[in-house]
N, C-alpha and C. Protein backbone atom coordinates (compact mmCIF):
# COMPACT_ATOMS: atom_id res chain seq x y z
N MET A 1 10.18 -22.56 -62.52
CA MET A 1 11.54 -23.06 -62.44
C MET A 1 12.41 -21.98 -61.80
N ASN A 2 13.40 -22.42 -61.09
CA ASN A 2 14.34 -21.53 -60.42
C ASN A 2 15.16 -20.75 -61.45
N LYS A 3 15.43 -19.49 -61.16
CA LYS A 3 16.18 -18.63 -62.08
C LYS A 3 17.58 -19.16 -62.32
N THR A 4 18.26 -19.60 -61.28
CA THR A 4 19.62 -20.10 -61.41
C THR A 4 19.68 -21.36 -62.25
N THR A 5 18.75 -22.27 -62.04
CA THR A 5 18.71 -23.50 -62.82
C THR A 5 18.45 -23.19 -64.29
N TYR A 6 17.50 -22.31 -64.54
CA TYR A 6 17.17 -21.95 -65.92
C TYR A 6 18.36 -21.29 -66.61
N ALA A 7 19.07 -20.41 -65.90
CA ALA A 7 20.23 -19.73 -66.49
C ALA A 7 21.36 -20.71 -66.78
N ILE A 8 21.61 -21.64 -65.88
CA ILE A 8 22.68 -22.62 -66.11
C ILE A 8 22.34 -23.53 -67.29
N LEU A 9 21.09 -23.97 -67.37
CA LEU A 9 20.68 -24.80 -68.51
C LEU A 9 20.76 -24.03 -69.82
N THR A 10 20.45 -22.74 -69.77
CA THR A 10 20.57 -21.91 -70.97
C THR A 10 22.03 -21.75 -71.37
N LEU A 11 22.89 -21.53 -70.40
CA LEU A 11 24.32 -21.39 -70.69
C LEU A 11 24.91 -22.64 -71.33
N LEU A 12 24.57 -23.79 -70.78
CA LEU A 12 25.24 -25.02 -71.19
C LEU A 12 24.58 -25.75 -72.35
N PHE A 13 23.26 -25.70 -72.42
CA PHE A 13 22.56 -26.58 -73.36
C PHE A 13 21.64 -25.87 -74.34
N ASN A 14 21.82 -24.59 -74.57
CA ASN A 14 20.96 -23.89 -75.52
C ASN A 14 21.17 -24.38 -76.95
N SER A 15 22.36 -24.84 -77.27
CA SER A 15 22.62 -25.32 -78.62
C SER A 15 21.85 -26.59 -78.94
N TYR A 16 21.39 -27.31 -77.92
CA TYR A 16 20.61 -28.53 -78.12
C TYR A 16 19.12 -28.30 -78.05
N GLY A 17 18.68 -27.08 -77.88
CA GLY A 17 17.25 -26.78 -77.82
C GLY A 17 16.59 -27.07 -76.50
N VAL A 18 17.37 -27.19 -75.44
CA VAL A 18 16.83 -27.53 -74.14
C VAL A 18 15.86 -26.46 -73.64
N THR A 19 16.14 -25.20 -73.94
CA THR A 19 15.24 -24.15 -73.48
C THR A 19 13.88 -24.25 -74.16
N SER A 20 13.86 -24.71 -75.39
CA SER A 20 12.57 -24.91 -76.06
C SER A 20 11.78 -26.02 -75.37
N PHE A 21 12.47 -27.08 -74.99
CA PHE A 21 11.81 -28.17 -74.27
C PHE A 21 11.31 -27.70 -72.90
N LEU A 22 12.09 -26.86 -72.21
CA LEU A 22 11.68 -26.34 -70.91
C LEU A 22 10.44 -25.45 -71.02
N ASN A 23 10.34 -24.73 -72.14
CA ASN A 23 9.20 -23.85 -72.35
C ASN A 23 7.98 -24.61 -72.87
N GLY A 24 8.12 -25.89 -73.14
CA GLY A 24 7.00 -26.70 -73.58
C GLY A 24 6.83 -26.78 -75.08
N ASN A 25 7.78 -26.29 -75.84
CA ASN A 25 7.69 -26.31 -77.30
C ASN A 25 8.60 -27.41 -77.84
N THR A 26 8.09 -28.64 -77.82
CA THR A 26 8.92 -29.78 -78.20
C THR A 26 9.22 -29.80 -79.70
N LYS A 27 8.28 -29.33 -80.52
CA LYS A 27 8.54 -29.31 -81.96
C LYS A 27 9.72 -28.40 -82.29
N LYS A 28 9.78 -27.26 -81.64
CA LYS A 28 10.89 -26.33 -81.89
C LYS A 28 12.21 -26.91 -81.37
N GLY A 29 12.16 -27.60 -80.24
CA GLY A 29 13.37 -28.22 -79.70
C GLY A 29 13.91 -29.30 -80.63
N VAL A 30 13.04 -30.14 -81.15
CA VAL A 30 13.46 -31.18 -82.09
C VAL A 30 13.99 -30.56 -83.37
N PHE A 31 13.32 -29.51 -83.84
CA PHE A 31 13.78 -28.82 -85.05
C PHE A 31 15.14 -28.19 -84.83
N THR A 32 15.40 -27.68 -83.64
CA THR A 32 16.71 -27.11 -83.32
C THR A 32 17.80 -28.16 -83.40
N ILE A 33 17.53 -29.33 -82.86
CA ILE A 33 18.51 -30.42 -82.90
C ILE A 33 18.76 -30.86 -84.34
N ILE A 34 17.70 -31.02 -85.10
CA ILE A 34 17.85 -31.48 -86.49
C ILE A 34 18.59 -30.43 -87.32
N SER A 35 18.27 -29.14 -87.12
CA SER A 35 18.96 -28.10 -87.89
C SER A 35 20.44 -28.02 -87.52
N ALA A 36 20.77 -28.29 -86.28
CA ALA A 36 22.19 -28.30 -85.89
C ALA A 36 22.93 -29.47 -86.55
N ILE A 37 22.25 -30.60 -86.68
CA ILE A 37 22.88 -31.77 -87.31
C ILE A 37 23.05 -31.54 -88.81
N VAL A 38 22.00 -31.03 -89.45
CA VAL A 38 22.02 -30.84 -90.90
C VAL A 38 23.07 -29.80 -91.31
N THR A 39 23.26 -28.77 -90.51
CA THR A 39 24.24 -27.73 -90.85
C THR A 39 25.62 -28.04 -90.28
N PHE A 40 25.83 -29.27 -89.86
CA PHE A 40 27.12 -29.71 -89.33
C PHE A 40 27.58 -28.88 -88.14
N GLY A 41 26.64 -28.46 -87.30
CA GLY A 41 26.97 -27.78 -86.06
C GLY A 41 27.04 -26.28 -86.13
N ILE A 42 26.85 -25.70 -87.30
CA ILE A 42 26.95 -24.24 -87.42
C ILE A 42 25.82 -23.57 -86.63
N VAL A 43 24.59 -24.04 -86.80
CA VAL A 43 23.47 -23.49 -86.05
C VAL A 43 23.65 -23.77 -84.56
N GLY A 44 24.20 -24.92 -84.22
CA GLY A 44 24.46 -25.24 -82.82
C GLY A 44 25.45 -24.27 -82.18
N MET A 45 26.49 -23.90 -82.93
CA MET A 45 27.47 -22.94 -82.40
C MET A 45 26.84 -21.56 -82.22
N ILE A 46 25.99 -21.16 -83.17
CA ILE A 46 25.31 -19.87 -83.05
C ILE A 46 24.40 -19.88 -81.83
N ASN A 47 23.66 -20.98 -81.65
CA ASN A 47 22.79 -21.09 -80.48
C ASN A 47 23.57 -21.14 -79.18
N ALA A 48 24.75 -21.74 -79.19
CA ALA A 48 25.57 -21.78 -77.98
C ALA A 48 26.02 -20.37 -77.58
N ILE A 49 26.43 -19.58 -78.57
CA ILE A 49 26.84 -18.20 -78.28
C ILE A 49 25.66 -17.39 -77.78
N LYS A 50 24.51 -17.56 -78.41
CA LYS A 50 23.32 -16.85 -77.97
C LYS A 50 22.89 -17.32 -76.58
N GLY A 51 23.10 -18.59 -76.26
CA GLY A 51 22.78 -19.10 -74.94
C GLY A 51 23.66 -18.51 -73.86
N ILE A 52 24.93 -18.29 -74.17
CA ILE A 52 25.83 -17.66 -73.21
C ILE A 52 25.38 -16.24 -72.91
N ILE A 53 25.02 -15.51 -73.95
CA ILE A 53 24.55 -14.14 -73.76
C ILE A 53 23.25 -14.12 -72.96
N ALA A 54 22.32 -15.00 -73.32
CA ALA A 54 21.03 -15.04 -72.61
C ALA A 54 21.21 -15.48 -71.17
N GLY A 55 22.10 -16.45 -70.92
CA GLY A 55 22.34 -16.91 -69.56
C GLY A 55 22.89 -15.82 -68.67
N ILE A 56 23.79 -15.01 -69.21
CA ILE A 56 24.35 -13.89 -68.44
C ILE A 56 23.25 -12.87 -68.13
N LYS A 57 22.38 -12.60 -69.12
CA LYS A 57 21.28 -11.66 -68.89
C LYS A 57 20.33 -12.19 -67.82
N ILE A 58 20.08 -13.49 -67.83
CA ILE A 58 19.18 -14.07 -66.83
C ILE A 58 19.79 -13.99 -65.44
N PHE A 59 21.11 -14.24 -65.33
CA PHE A 59 21.77 -14.11 -64.03
C PHE A 59 21.69 -12.69 -63.49
N GLN A 60 21.68 -11.70 -64.37
CA GLN A 60 21.63 -10.31 -63.93
C GLN A 60 20.24 -9.85 -63.54
N MET A 61 19.20 -10.60 -63.90
CA MET A 61 17.82 -10.22 -63.58
C MET A 61 17.53 -10.45 -62.11
N THR A 62 16.59 -9.68 -61.60
CA THR A 62 16.10 -9.96 -60.25
C THR A 62 15.11 -11.12 -60.33
N ASP A 63 14.81 -11.71 -59.20
CA ASP A 63 13.86 -12.83 -59.18
C ASP A 63 12.47 -12.40 -59.63
N GLU A 64 12.08 -11.18 -59.26
CA GLU A 64 10.76 -10.69 -59.67
C GLU A 64 10.69 -10.47 -61.17
N ALA A 65 11.76 -9.93 -61.74
CA ALA A 65 11.79 -9.70 -63.18
C ALA A 65 11.81 -11.03 -63.94
N PHE A 66 12.50 -12.02 -63.39
CA PHE A 66 12.54 -13.33 -64.03
C PHE A 66 11.17 -14.00 -64.00
N ASP A 67 10.47 -13.89 -62.88
CA ASP A 67 9.14 -14.49 -62.79
C ASP A 67 8.15 -13.81 -63.73
N ALA A 68 8.32 -12.51 -63.95
CA ALA A 68 7.40 -11.77 -64.82
C ALA A 68 7.76 -11.88 -66.29
N ALA A 69 8.98 -12.31 -66.58
CA ALA A 69 9.45 -12.34 -67.98
C ALA A 69 8.82 -13.49 -68.75
N ASP A 70 8.69 -13.27 -70.04
CA ASP A 70 8.23 -14.31 -70.94
C ASP A 70 9.42 -15.21 -71.26
N LYS A 71 9.36 -16.45 -70.83
CA LYS A 71 10.51 -17.35 -70.96
C LYS A 71 10.86 -17.66 -72.41
N THR A 72 9.91 -17.55 -73.32
CA THR A 72 10.22 -17.83 -74.72
C THR A 72 11.09 -16.75 -75.34
N THR A 73 11.02 -15.53 -74.83
CA THR A 73 11.85 -14.47 -75.38
C THR A 73 13.20 -14.36 -74.67
N LEU A 74 13.34 -14.98 -73.51
CA LEU A 74 14.61 -14.90 -72.80
C LEU A 74 15.73 -15.63 -73.52
N SER A 75 15.46 -16.81 -73.96
CA SER A 75 16.51 -17.61 -74.59
C SER A 75 15.97 -18.32 -75.82
N ASP A 76 15.40 -17.55 -76.71
CA ASP A 76 14.83 -18.11 -77.92
C ASP A 76 15.96 -18.53 -78.85
N ALA A 77 15.95 -19.78 -79.22
CA ALA A 77 17.00 -20.32 -80.07
C ALA A 77 16.88 -19.80 -81.49
N ILE A 78 18.01 -19.72 -82.17
CA ILE A 78 18.00 -19.35 -83.57
C ILE A 78 17.70 -20.61 -84.37
N VAL A 79 16.54 -20.63 -84.96
CA VAL A 79 16.15 -21.78 -85.77
C VAL A 79 15.66 -21.24 -87.09
N PHE A 80 16.37 -21.58 -88.15
CA PHE A 80 16.02 -21.09 -89.46
C PHE A 80 14.82 -21.88 -90.01
N PHE A 81 13.95 -21.18 -90.69
CA PHE A 81 12.79 -21.76 -91.38
C PHE A 81 11.76 -22.37 -90.44
N TYR A 82 11.79 -22.07 -89.16
CA TYR A 82 10.79 -22.63 -88.24
C TYR A 82 9.70 -21.60 -88.01
N LYS A 83 8.49 -21.97 -88.27
CA LYS A 83 7.34 -21.11 -88.00
C LYS A 83 6.40 -21.86 -87.09
N ASP A 84 5.96 -21.21 -86.01
CA ASP A 84 5.05 -21.84 -85.06
C ASP A 84 3.64 -21.87 -85.57
C-alpha cells in the first residue's frame, strides 16, 4: 500500500480499527469497534489521538523505511483485553 494512503487512513480512521483491517487482522478490528462502542467512545478517542500521532510519524518516514517497517507496530490501536 502507498505510504500516503496508509498515513491518511491512519489519521482519519484509526479510531474505527481500519488499520487493523488493512493489516489483515479482522478480529482485532472488530474488537476495536466493539470496545469503542462499549466504552461510549472513550477508547475511540484514545485511538484517534494515537492515530494522529502515528499518521504524522508515517508522513515523516522515507518510502524505503515505510516499506521495511512492520505495519502492525506503526499504528497499533489501543485495545484493552485483546490478546492475539
